[in-house]
């Protein structure tokens, strides 16, 4: 065998004589042995044929890559990119998970998903308003969490388009429906939440609550909310209606006897639900007290006195209910989300009830009527409760930040020191990062503080 191309040994050859006798040859011509013997030294001529060595540079085959001739393994299927609708529906779920309106889990989500499946965002039916409202809220949540670097305003534009489509479809649905149904109510609620995130004035949310959700529930009546899915809807929206009535000093239908009786009959008479009933009653008392105070400008005191005495008595009764609630609440844990919210609302209602009388205390003094006002020490205690409970809730729970606008507004009205005002501002700034409507409350309080 000829040496290979990488054989590093010295190449040698023997003459014909040495090869025949199998003796060592010096390799020179003539070789030493033939020269000593005096014979002709003949070397064989080199072969003209050369062996070719072929190096295979193809892919190395292993058991994992070896296959039969002509067989190619299938390529892995790449997942198709999610559509904008799929993406923003996931963000809608994110919003719901991060914004609890009661302190408990979003058990209503199954109802909403079932209603939304009946029509899609591109459907020509008026039922598409619910899906578009969900998409608008989801896209707004995506924009709030952080816009895409490539298209920083894409989610916001999608949200505004979906909002406009939902409004248009909702108007058509309201015109066609003989009475409000669950899909219309949920759409109104979600559009209101969208406006709290997008409209800094809060006026469009107020329109939806007053002319949308509140009127729709009033039309349905207290009997209609006892069965699902309207019951689930009412549980979620009840706190918003209570907050609306307090913030705008407007009596709510929730304070009427038939609604109070119906709600108690639902079997949800726990401490968190009880405090909502108390807050609604305080707002109703404030609306009637304001009407009475206005009447003093044109009506003799003697004619107004019986009504004033009745309102003061009702105030003392509400103060007693608030005290009884606090005694019962002291026996249960306060760190659950439900009780954190209820404790905050209780403290705010306690200050609010006092304000119903002490802001215009000169009228009551003139009429010689005792009223249930709090001492400065009690007000400071409730103020601290609102600040501490709100701070803890925003940091450790999924309670929606928008629920704390009413307590923070009440606390802000009683913030006289710089440290108190800074505490309220810090929490409202946190709410504002999630719901832009917090900016309106900040501006309102800053004007109030500047006027003192």
Foldseek 3Di string as FASTA:
>chain_A
DDDDPPDPDDDAFAWPVCVVVVHDFPRDVVTPVCVVVVHHTHHDDDDPDDDDDDDDPDDDDDPVRDDDPPDDDDDDDDDDDDDLLVQLLVLLVVLQQLAAQQLDHLPLVVVLVVQCVVDDCPDPALLNLLSLLSSLLSLLSVLLVAADPVDNCPSVVSNVVSLVSSVVSLVVVVVPDPADDDSSLNSLVSSLQSCLAPPQQSPVNLCSVPVNNQVRDVRCFLVNLLDPPNVVSCSRCLLVQLLSLLVVLHQGPCQDPRNVVSVVVSVPPDLLVVLSNLSNVLSVLLNVLVVLVVVVVPDPCVVSVVVVQVSQVVLVVSVVVLVVSVVVLVVDDCLRLNNLLSLLSSLLSLLSSQCSAPVPVVVCVVSVHDHDHDDPVSNVVSLVSNLVSLVSCLVPGSHQLVSSLSSLLSSLLVDQDPVSNVSSVVSLVVNCSRGVNSVNSVVVSVVVNVVD
